[in-house]
Amino acid sequence: MSESLKNKTIKGVSWSFVDNIAGSGIMFLVGIILARILTPKEFGLIGIISIFIAVFNSIVDSGFSNALIRKNNATHIDYNTAFIFNLILSGALFLGLFFLAPFVGTFFKEPQLVPLTRAMSVIVLINAFALVQRTLLVKRVDFKTQTKISIIASITSGVIGIGMALKGFGVWSLVAQQISRQLLNTVFLWIFNKWLPKLEFSIKSFKELFGFGWKLLVSGLIDTIWREIYQVVIGKVYAPSTLGQYTRAKQFSDIFSSNLSGVVQRVSYPVLSSIQDDNERLKQAYKKVIKSTMFMSFVLTLGLAAVAKPMVLVLIGEKWLPSVEFLQIICFSAMLYPLHAINLNMLQVKGRSDLFLILEIIKKTIAIGPILLGIFVNINAMLWGSVLTSFFALYLNAYYSGRDLNYSILEQVKDILPSFLIAFLMAGIVWAISFINISPFILLPIQIRIGFLIIFAIGERTKMNEYIELKEIIVSTINKILKWKVKK
């Protein structure tokens, strides 16, 4: 990886990481406070609605964001075409979800879902106004601006949600929090970004963008539906409170897995796209991204599984204890999410959206098995089935993404195996400590410190490249935060 590309990547990762820490970290703290005030059932109701919001948001994007990022010579007409199409489509979907609300309430046997769904359907429309603005920032690897926006939106919406919860608004405090966050994100994207749309639409541009993007749309839609279908099964077959426990476990795992995947996807896609025609250079950059990312992923997710019980007790209380086992199982599939994201990014970089779609269809066909286990056995069986299908999906993704670059699945495994073994050793020791019969308020800090010391000692002793790269990124990120505070 050339020095300029490396600096660009580190800068992008640093600010993207700050963005996720600022946005998701603040929302995580807000979620902890709300979880202590509200009940699992109220979180379960919002979990049901989030299924439809996620699916509809995936449709609104239509793969245009990735198509615009990949296109090195994208014009104003391209951006305007994407903006107008997304806006029209989101309007139709907003109306569709609004009028389908009674069917949602009937299907899940929860009348309260009708007004809640209608209120939250506006998020689909709001997000359409943000898509092109966000795409422009990602294309420029400008995560500094997104960080500022994320902090403002997360803090303000968090205050709104907590304030309403304390006033007794119940589940509506979660609705207000989510709507206000999306609205503020969109408003400030328009304020901070310089791009303004014009009323121009090109059929030629639409065909080109949609020609690449429609396969990603279908792939993303399939992936979103399959991710959310776990919540459909739990919400339909089990009680809303059980769904609340599952969504809380998923949110804990997302703090590391999904956020890390998001950082990697947002930064690696535009960076790798810029060198898409140089296979040797692309392969070396690809290897570095995989090794550094998976070192962090293994350490964080396996460490999270090890401290799950005392963490839940300390942060949100005993009423959420059923979520502990869900969280521990989810972590074993979540640790692979960033690697899935990197491999799928490579297919997009090489323009193989057709193969991307085929792989999604194959993987989701196999994933029917765990869903059936959730319906006819129990939730734990469904989650363990998901872990097994995740390893199968990894094989497919890695085999086809690395084929053109002569970077085989075996090479990938060899590259990430040392990181996995170190993280597994650390997690095993930390988990064993959890059997000490002391207060979780004392136990949790002890586990975290010991886990950190183990990784630090092994990393400093071996000087492994993944550890050094990660330390460099963390130091760079801390320096940026300190400089930003000084300027303020």
Foldseek 3Di string as FASTA:
>chain_A
DDPVLLVLLLVLLLLLVLLLCLQLVLLVQLVLLLLQLAALLLLLLVLLLVLLLLLLLLLLQLQLLLLQLLDPPDDLQLLQQSLVSSLVSLVVSLVVQLVCQVVSCVQLVHNVSNVLSNLLSCLSNLVSLCRSLVSVCLSVSNSNLSSVQSNVLSVVLSCQLSVCSVVPPHSVSVSSSVVSSSNSSSVSSPVPDDDDHDPHHDPVSCCSSSVLRNLVSLLSSLVSNLVSVLSVLCSNQHPSSVSSLLVVLVSLLCSQLVSLLVSLLSSVLSSLSVVLPPLVVSVVVLLLSLLLSLLSLLQVLLLCLLLQQLVCCVRRRDSSNVSNLSNNLLSLLSSCRNVLSSLLSLCVSNSNSVVSNVLSVVLVVQLVVLSVCCNPPHSSSSSNSSSVSSVVSSQSSQQVSCVVSVCHPVNSCVSHVVSNVLSNVLSVVLNVQVPPPDRSVVSNVVSVVSSVVSCVVVCVVVVDPSSVSVVVSVVVSVVVVVVVVVVD
